[in-house]
All heavy atoms as atom14 arrays in JSON, in Angstrom:
{
  "sequence": "LGELGDATIAMIMNAKSQKMGHKDIIKIECPLGTI",
  "atom14_mask": [
    [1, 1, 1, 1, 1, 1, 1, 1, 0, 0, 0, 0, 0, 0],
    [1, 1, 1, 1, 0, 0, 0, 0, 0, 0, 0, 0, 0, 0],
    [1, 1, 1, 1, 1, 1, 1, 1, 1, 0, 0, 0, 0, 0],
    [1, 1, 1, 1, 1, 1, 1, 1, 0, 0, 0, 0, 0, 0],
    [1, 1, 1, 1, 0, 0, 0, 0, 0, 0, 0, 0, 0, 0],
    [1, 1, 1, 1, 1, 1, 1, 1, 0, 0, 0, 0, 0, 0],
    [1, 1, 1, 1, 1, 0, 0, 0, 0, 0, 0, 0, 0, 0],
    [1, 1, 1, 1, 1, 1, 1, 0, 0, 0, 0, 0, 0, 0],
    [1, 1, 1, 1, 1, 1, 1, 1, 0, 0, 0, 0, 0, 0],
    [1, 1, 1, 1, 1, 0, 0, 0, 0, 0, 0, 0, 0, 0],
    [1, 1, 1, 1, 1, 1, 1, 1, 0, 0, 0, 0, 0, 0],
    [1, 1, 1, 1, 1, 1, 1, 1, 0, 0, 0, 0, 0, 0],
    [1, 1, 1, 1, 1, 1, 1, 1, 0, 0, 0, 0, 0, 0],
    [1, 1, 1, 1, 1, 1, 1, 1, 0, 0, 0, 0, 0, 0],
    [1, 1, 1, 1, 1, 0, 0, 0, 0, 0, 0, 0, 0, 0],
    [1, 1, 1, 1, 1, 1, 1, 1, 1, 0, 0, 0, 0, 0],
    [1, 1, 1, 1, 1, 1, 0, 0, 0, 0, 0, 0, 0, 0],
    [1, 1, 1, 1, 1, 1, 1, 1, 1, 0, 0, 0, 0, 0],
    [1, 1, 1, 1, 1, 1, 1, 1, 1, 0, 0, 0, 0, 0],
    [1, 1, 1, 1, 1, 1, 1, 1, 0, 0, 0, 0, 0, 0],
    [1, 1, 1, 1, 0, 0, 0, 0, 0, 0, 0, 0, 0, 0],
    [1, 1, 1, 1, 1, 1, 1, 1, 1, 1, 0, 0, 0, 0],
    [1, 1, 1, 1, 1, 1, 1, 1, 1, 0, 0, 0, 0, 0],
    [1, 1, 1, 1, 1, 1, 1, 1, 0, 0, 0, 0, 0, 0],
    [1, 1, 1, 1, 1, 1, 1, 1, 0, 0, 0, 0, 0, 0],
    [1, 1, 1, 1, 1, 1, 1, 1, 0, 0, 0, 0, 0, 0],
    [1, 1, 1, 1, 1, 1, 1, 1, 1, 0, 0, 0, 0, 0],
    [1, 1, 1, 1, 1, 1, 1, 1, 0, 0, 0, 0, 0, 0],
    [1, 1, 1, 1, 1, 1, 1, 1, 1, 0, 0, 0, 0, 0],
    [1, 1, 1, 1, 1, 1, 0, 0, 0, 0, 0, 0, 0, 0],
    [1, 1, 1, 1, 1, 1, 1, 0, 0, 0, 0, 0, 0, 0],
    [1, 1, 1, 1, 1, 1, 1, 1, 0, 0, 0, 0, 0, 0],
    [1, 1, 1, 1, 0, 0, 0, 0, 0, 0, 0, 0, 0, 0],
    [1, 1, 1, 1, 1, 1, 1, 0, 0, 0, 0, 0, 0, 0],
    [1, 1, 1, 1, 1, 1, 1, 1, 0, 0, 0, 0, 0, 0]
  ],
  "atom14_positions": [
    [[-38.87, 2.16, 1.69], [-39.55, 2.93, 2.6], [-39.05, 4.39, 2.46], [-39.74, 5.29, 2.75], [-39.56, 2.34, 3.96], [-40.18, 1.08, 4.24], [-40.19, 0.67, 5.65], [-41.76, 1.17, 3.7], [0.0, 0.0, 0.0], [0.0, 0.0, 0.0], [0.0, 0.0, 0.0], [0.0, 0.0, 0.0], [0.0, 0.0, 0.0], [0.0, 0.0, 0.0]],
    [[-37.85, 4.48, 2.17], [-37.14, 5.92, 2.0], [-37.73, 6.73, 0.93], [-37.67, 7.89, 0.88], [0.0, 0.0, 0.0], [0.0, 0.0, 0.0], [0.0, 0.0, 0.0], [0.0, 0.0, 0.0], [0.0, 0.0, 0.0], [0.0, 0.0, 0.0], [0.0, 0.0, 0.0], [0.0, 0.0, 0.0], [0.0, 0.0, 0.0], [0.0, 0.0, 0.0]],
    [[-38.47, 6.06, -0.05], [-38.97, 6.74, -1.21], [-40.51, 7.03, -1.05], [-41.14, 7.61, -1.9], [-38.94, 5.82, -2.36], [-37.43, 5.51, -2.71], [-37.33, 4.51, -3.92], [-38.26, 4.14, -4.66], [-36.29, 3.9, -4.01], [0.0, 0.0, 0.0], [0.0, 0.0, 0.0], [0.0, 0.0, 0.0], [0.0, 0.0, 0.0], [0.0, 0.0, 0.0]],
    [[-40.97, 6.68, 0.19], [-42.45, 7.0, 0.38], [-42.84, 8.47, 0.6], [-43.98, 8.8, 0.56], [-43.01, 6.28, 1.57], [-42.99, 4.7, 1.52], [-43.63, 4.11, 2.81], [-43.91, 4.34, 0.17], [0.0, 0.0, 0.0], [0.0, 0.0, 0.0], [0.0, 0.0, 0.0], [0.0, 0.0, 0.0], [0.0, 0.0, 0.0], [0.0, 0.0, 0.0]],
    [[-41.82, 9.24, 0.79], [-42.06, 10.71, 0.84], [-42.7, 11.16, 2.14], [-42.0, 11.45, 3.06], [0.0, 0.0, 0.0], [0.0, 0.0, 0.0], [0.0, 0.0, 0.0], [0.0, 0.0, 0.0], [0.0, 0.0, 0.0], [0.0, 0.0, 0.0], [0.0, 0.0, 0.0], [0.0, 0.0, 0.0], [0.0, 0.0, 0.0], [0.0, 0.0, 0.0]],
    [[-44.07, 11.23, 2.25], [-44.62, 11.74, 3.44], [-44.86, 10.85, 4.62], [-45.51, 11.15, 5.59], [-46.0, 12.3, 3.05], [-46.41, 13.71, 3.81], [-45.45, 14.27, 4.48], [-47.61, 13.96, 3.77], [0.0, 0.0, 0.0], [0.0, 0.0, 0.0], [0.0, 0.0, 0.0], [0.0, 0.0, 0.0], [0.0, 0.0, 0.0], [0.0, 0.0, 0.0]],
    [[-44.58, 9.55, 4.43], [-44.67, 8.61, 5.45], [-43.84, 8.76, 6.72], [-42.67, 9.3, 6.56], [-44.33, 7.26, 4.87], [0.0, 0.0, 0.0], [0.0, 0.0, 0.0], [0.0, 0.0, 0.0], [0.0, 0.0, 0.0], [0.0, 0.0, 0.0], [0.0, 0.0, 0.0], [0.0, 0.0, 0.0], [0.0, 0.0, 0.0], [0.0, 0.0, 0.0]],
    [[-44.37, 8.42, 7.84], [-43.64, 8.4, 9.02], [-43.37, 7.03, 9.39], [-44.22, 6.15, 9.33], [-44.49, 9.08, 10.08], [-44.81, 10.34, 9.84], [-43.72, 9.02, 11.52], [0.0, 0.0, 0.0], [0.0, 0.0, 0.0], [0.0, 0.0, 0.0], [0.0, 0.0, 0.0], [0.0, 0.0, 0.0], [0.0, 0.0, 0.0], [0.0, 0.0, 0.0]],
    [[-42.09, 6.77, 9.68], [-41.59, 5.42, 9.91], [-40.95, 5.26, 11.22], [-39.89, 6.17, 11.63], [-40.54, 4.91, 8.79], [-41.4, 4.99, 7.52], [-40.07, 3.5, 9.07], [-40.63, 4.96, 6.23], [0.0, 0.0, 0.0], [0.0, 0.0, 0.0], [0.0, 0.0, 0.0], [0.0, 0.0, 0.0], [0.0, 0.0, 0.0], [0.0, 0.0, 0.0]],
    [[-41.21, 4.34, 12.08], [-40.47, 4.11, 13.38], [-39.94, 2.67, 13.31], [-40.66, 1.76, 13.05], [-41.55, 4.36, 14.6], [0.0, 0.0, 0.0], [0.0, 0.0, 0.0], [0.0, 0.0, 0.0], [0.0, 0.0, 0.0], [0.0, 0.0, 0.0], [0.0, 0.0, 0.0], [0.0, 0.0, 0.0], [0.0, 0.0, 0.0], [0.0, 0.0, 0.0]],
    [[-38.7, 2.57, 13.64], [-38.09, 1.32, 13.59], [-37.63, 0.94, 15.18], [-36.83, 1.78, 15.66], [-36.97, 1.16, 12.71], [-37.35, 1.18, 11.17], [-36.2, 1.11, 9.99], [-34.75, 0.33, 10.58], [0.0, 0.0, 0.0], [0.0, 0.0, 0.0], [0.0, 0.0, 0.0], [0.0, 0.0, 0.0], [0.0, 0.0, 0.0], [0.0, 0.0, 0.0]],
    [[-38.07, -0.18, 15.6], [-37.55, -0.6, 16.99], [-36.75, -1.75, 16.78], [-37.18, -2.73, 16.09], [-38.77, -0.96, 17.8], [-39.63, 0.3, 17.87], [-38.36, -1.35, 19.21], [-40.98, 0.05, 18.42], [0.0, 0.0, 0.0], [0.0, 0.0, 0.0], [0.0, 0.0, 0.0], [0.0, 0.0, 0.0], [0.0, 0.0, 0.0], [0.0, 0.0, 0.0]],
    [[-35.49, -1.78, 17.12], [-34.48, -2.76, 16.73], [-34.12, -3.5, 18.01], [-33.91, -2.83, 19.06], [-33.33, -2.3, 16.07], [-33.8, -1.59, 14.71], [-32.41, -0.67, 13.74], [-31.54, -2.12, 13.2], [0.0, 0.0, 0.0], [0.0, 0.0, 0.0], [0.0, 0.0, 0.0], [0.0, 0.0, 0.0], [0.0, 0.0, 0.0], [0.0, 0.0, 0.0]],
    [[-34.01, -4.86, 17.94], [-33.45, -5.58, 19.0], [-34.34, -5.48, 20.38], [-33.86, -5.52, 21.38], [-32.05, -5.22, 19.41], [-31.18, -6.43, 19.88], [-31.56, -7.62, 19.45], [-30.27, -6.11, 20.74], [0.0, 0.0, 0.0], [0.0, 0.0, 0.0], [0.0, 0.0, 0.0], [0.0, 0.0, 0.0], [0.0, 0.0, 0.0], [0.0, 0.0, 0.0]],
    [[-35.6, -5.39, 20.12], [-36.63, -5.37, 21.24], [-36.71, -6.81, 21.85], [-36.67, -7.8, 21.2], [-38.04, -4.95, 20.8], [0.0, 0.0, 0.0], [0.0, 0.0, 0.0], [0.0, 0.0, 0.0], [0.0, 0.0, 0.0], [0.0, 0.0, 0.0], [0.0, 0.0, 0.0], [0.0, 0.0, 0.0], [0.0, 0.0, 0.0], [0.0, 0.0, 0.0]],
    [[-36.89, -6.85, 23.21], [-37.07, -8.18, 23.79], [-38.48, -8.77, 23.59], [-39.46, -8.14, 23.26], [-36.96, -7.91, 25.37], [-35.58, -7.63, 25.87], [-35.53, -7.48, 27.36], [-34.13, -7.18, 27.76], [-34.02, -6.95, 29.19], [0.0, 0.0, 0.0], [0.0, 0.0, 0.0], [0.0, 0.0, 0.0], [0.0, 0.0, 0.0], [0.0, 0.0, 0.0]],
    [[-38.3, -10.11, 23.26], [-39.56, -10.78, 22.93], [-39.52, -12.15, 23.53], [-38.53, -12.89, 23.56], [-39.58, -11.03, 21.39], [-40.45, -12.0, 20.94], [0.0, 0.0, 0.0], [0.0, 0.0, 0.0], [0.0, 0.0, 0.0], [0.0, 0.0, 0.0], [0.0, 0.0, 0.0], [0.0, 0.0, 0.0], [0.0, 0.0, 0.0], [0.0, 0.0, 0.0]],
    [[-40.71, -12.59, 24.14], [-40.74, -13.8, 24.8], [-40.69, -14.96, 23.8], [-40.08, -15.92, 23.82], [-42.06, -14.0, 25.66], [-42.13, -13.1, 26.84], [-43.31, -13.18, 27.63], [-44.36, -13.6, 27.17], [-43.31, -12.89, 28.9], [0.0, 0.0, 0.0], [0.0, 0.0, 0.0], [0.0, 0.0, 0.0], [0.0, 0.0, 0.0], [0.0, 0.0, 0.0]],
    [[-41.36, -14.75, 22.67], [-41.41, -15.77, 21.49], [-40.12, -15.93, 20.86], [-39.84, -16.98, 20.42], [-42.59, -15.24, 20.55], [-42.94, -16.2, 19.43], [-44.05, -15.69, 18.51], [-44.28, -16.47, 17.39], [-45.44, -15.97, 16.58], [0.0, 0.0, 0.0], [0.0, 0.0, 0.0], [0.0, 0.0, 0.0], [0.0, 0.0, 0.0], [0.0, 0.0, 0.0]],
    [[-39.45, -14.81, 20.53], [-38.28, -14.93, 19.63], [-36.94, -14.58, 20.37], [-35.89, -14.66, 19.72], [-38.37, -13.93, 18.43], [-39.65, -14.14, 17.74], [-39.84, -12.82, 16.34], [-38.47, -13.09, 15.31], [0.0, 0.0, 0.0], [0.0, 0.0, 0.0], [0.0, 0.0, 0.0], [0.0, 0.0, 0.0], [0.0, 0.0, 0.0], [0.0, 0.0, 0.0]],
    [[-36.95, -14.11, 21.59], [-35.69, -13.72, 22.31], [-35.55, -12.23, 22.03], [-35.72, -11.44, 22.91], [0.0, 0.0, 0.0], [0.0, 0.0, 0.0], [0.0, 0.0, 0.0], [0.0, 0.0, 0.0], [0.0, 0.0, 0.0], [0.0, 0.0, 0.0], [0.0, 0.0, 0.0], [0.0, 0.0, 0.0], [0.0, 0.0, 0.0], [0.0, 0.0, 0.0]],
    [[-35.27, -11.8, 20.8], [-35.17, -10.41, 20.31], [-35.78, -10.37, 19.0], [-35.78, -11.33, 18.18], [-33.75, -9.97, 20.38], [-33.14, -9.73, 21.67], [-32.43, -10.72, 22.48], [-33.12, -8.67, 22.46], [-32.11, -10.21, 23.5], [-32.54, -9.03, 23.72], [0.0, 0.0, 0.0], [0.0, 0.0, 0.0], [0.0, 0.0, 0.0], [0.0, 0.0, 0.0]],
    [[-36.35, -9.13, 18.68], [-37.01, -8.98, 17.49], [-36.89, -7.48, 17.08], [-36.65, -6.55, 17.74], [-38.49, -9.4, 17.43], [-39.35, -8.49, 18.39], [-40.8, -8.78, 18.45], [-41.48, -8.09, 19.46], [-42.84, -8.43, 19.56], [0.0, 0.0, 0.0], [0.0, 0.0, 0.0], [0.0, 0.0, 0.0], [0.0, 0.0, 0.0], [0.0, 0.0, 0.0]],
    [[-37.38, -7.19, 15.84], [-37.52, -5.88, 15.27], [-38.95, -5.62, 15.0], [-39.68, -6.48, 14.66], [-36.6, -5.57, 13.97], [-35.12, -5.56, 14.28], [-34.6, -5.67, 15.49], [-34.43, -5.5, 13.24], [0.0, 0.0, 0.0], [0.0, 0.0, 0.0], [0.0, 0.0, 0.0], [0.0, 0.0, 0.0], [0.0, 0.0, 0.0], [0.0, 0.0, 0.0]],
    [[-39.26, -4.34, 15.02], [-40.61, -3.89, 14.77], [-40.53, -2.69, 13.94], [-39.73, -1.75, 14.16], [-41.47, -3.52, 15.98], [-41.34, -4.71, 17.05], [-42.84, -3.12, 15.71], [-41.9, -4.31, 18.53], [0.0, 0.0, 0.0], [0.0, 0.0, 0.0], [0.0, 0.0, 0.0], [0.0, 0.0, 0.0], [0.0, 0.0, 0.0], [0.0, 0.0, 0.0]],
    [[-41.38, -2.59, 12.97], [-41.49, -1.36, 12.06], [-42.89, -0.87, 12.1], [-43.76, -1.65, 11.81], [-40.99, -1.56, 10.64], [-39.58, -2.14, 10.59], [-41.02, -0.3, 9.76], [-39.04, -2.61, 9.19], [0.0, 0.0, 0.0], [0.0, 0.0, 0.0], [0.0, 0.0, 0.0], [0.0, 0.0, 0.0], [0.0, 0.0, 0.0], [0.0, 0.0, 0.0]],
    [[-43.08, 0.47, 12.33], [-44.47, 1.06, 12.24], [-44.24, 2.14, 11.11], [-43.41, 2.93, 10.99], [-44.74, 1.84, 13.57], [-45.03, 0.91, 14.69], [-45.5, 1.86, 15.87], [-45.85, 0.94, 17.08], [-46.52, 1.79, 18.13], [0.0, 0.0, 0.0], [0.0, 0.0, 0.0], [0.0, 0.0, 0.0], [0.0, 0.0, 0.0], [0.0, 0.0, 0.0]],
    [[-45.29, 2.05, 10.3], [-45.31, 2.79, 8.9], [-46.56, 3.51, 9.02], [-47.65, 2.86, 8.74], [-45.12, 1.99, 7.67], [-43.97, 1.02, 7.82], [-45.07, 2.83, 6.51], [-43.93, -0.04, 6.82], [0.0, 0.0, 0.0], [0.0, 0.0, 0.0], [0.0, 0.0, 0.0], [0.0, 0.0, 0.0], [0.0, 0.0, 0.0], [0.0, 0.0, 0.0]],
    [[-46.62, 4.9, 9.15], [-47.82, 5.69, 8.91], [-47.86, 6.1, 7.4], [-47.08, 6.84, 6.96], [-47.73, 7.05, 9.76], [-48.76, 7.88, 9.64], [-50.02, 7.74, 10.73], [-49.68, 7.3, 11.7], [-51.13, 8.2, 10.35], [0.0, 0.0, 0.0], [0.0, 0.0, 0.0], [0.0, 0.0, 0.0], [0.0, 0.0, 0.0], [0.0, 0.0, 0.0]],
    [[-48.85, 5.43, 6.69], [-48.83, 5.72, 5.21], [-50.35, 5.32, 4.73], [-50.97, 4.47, 5.51], [-47.87, 5.0, 4.45], [-47.98, 3.3, 4.51], [0.0, 0.0, 0.0], [0.0, 0.0, 0.0], [0.0, 0.0, 0.0], [0.0, 0.0, 0.0], [0.0, 0.0, 0.0], [0.0, 0.0, 0.0], [0.0, 0.0, 0.0], [0.0, 0.0, 0.0]],
    [[-50.8, 5.71, 3.62], [-52.05, 5.22, 3.07], [-52.0, 3.76, 2.91], [-50.88, 3.19, 2.46], [-52.15, 5.97, 1.72], [-51.18, 7.2, 1.77], [-50.11, 6.74, 2.74], [0.0, 0.0, 0.0], [0.0, 0.0, 0.0], [0.0, 0.0, 0.0], [0.0, 0.0, 0.0], [0.0, 0.0, 0.0], [0.0, 0.0, 0.0], [0.0, 0.0, 0.0]],
    [[-53.09, 3.09, 3.17], [-53.29, 1.66, 2.84], [-52.87, 1.35, 1.47], [-53.42, 2.04, 0.59], [-54.52, 1.13, 3.41], [-54.71, 1.32, 4.87], [-56.07, 0.68, 5.28], [-53.66, 0.68, 5.81], [0.0, 0.0, 0.0], [0.0, 0.0, 0.0], [0.0, 0.0, 0.0], [0.0, 0.0, 0.0], [0.0, 0.0, 0.0], [0.0, 0.0, 0.0]],
    [[-52.39, 0.2, 1.23], [-52.14, -0.2, -0.08], [-50.73, 0.25, -0.66], [-50.36, -0.05, -1.76], [0.0, 0.0, 0.0], [0.0, 0.0, 0.0], [0.0, 0.0, 0.0], [0.0, 0.0, 0.0], [0.0, 0.0, 0.0], [0.0, 0.0, 0.0], [0.0, 0.0, 0.0], [0.0, 0.0, 0.0], [0.0, 0.0, 0.0], [0.0, 0.0, 0.0]],
    [[-50.14, 1.07, 0.13], [-48.76, 1.54, -0.21], [-47.64, 0.59, -0.09], [-46.6, 0.46, -0.94], [-48.28, 2.82, 0.7], [-49.33, 3.62, 0.7], [-46.96, 3.41, 0.29], [0.0, 0.0, 0.0], [0.0, 0.0, 0.0], [0.0, 0.0, 0.0], [0.0, 0.0, 0.0], [0.0, 0.0, 0.0], [0.0, 0.0, 0.0], [0.0, 0.0, 0.0]],
    [[-47.76, -0.49, 0.75], [-46.76, -1.48, 1.01], [-47.13, -2.79, 0.25], [-48.13, -3.13, 0.14], [-46.64, -1.7, 2.58], [-46.38, -0.61, 3.37], [-45.67, -2.9, 2.86], [-45.11, 0.09, 2.98], [0.0, 0.0, 0.0], [0.0, 0.0, 0.0], [0.0, 0.0, 0.0], [0.0, 0.0, 0.0], [0.0, 0.0, 0.0], [0.0, 0.0, 0.0]]
  ]
}
């Protein structure tokens, strides 16, 4: 993801989750097909 250049990336780490206890989430603003 560091090589995507113009992409905006948000990482949420150790968020509370009813299903998992704690989880991470990554939001990636980029053209579709990039990942």
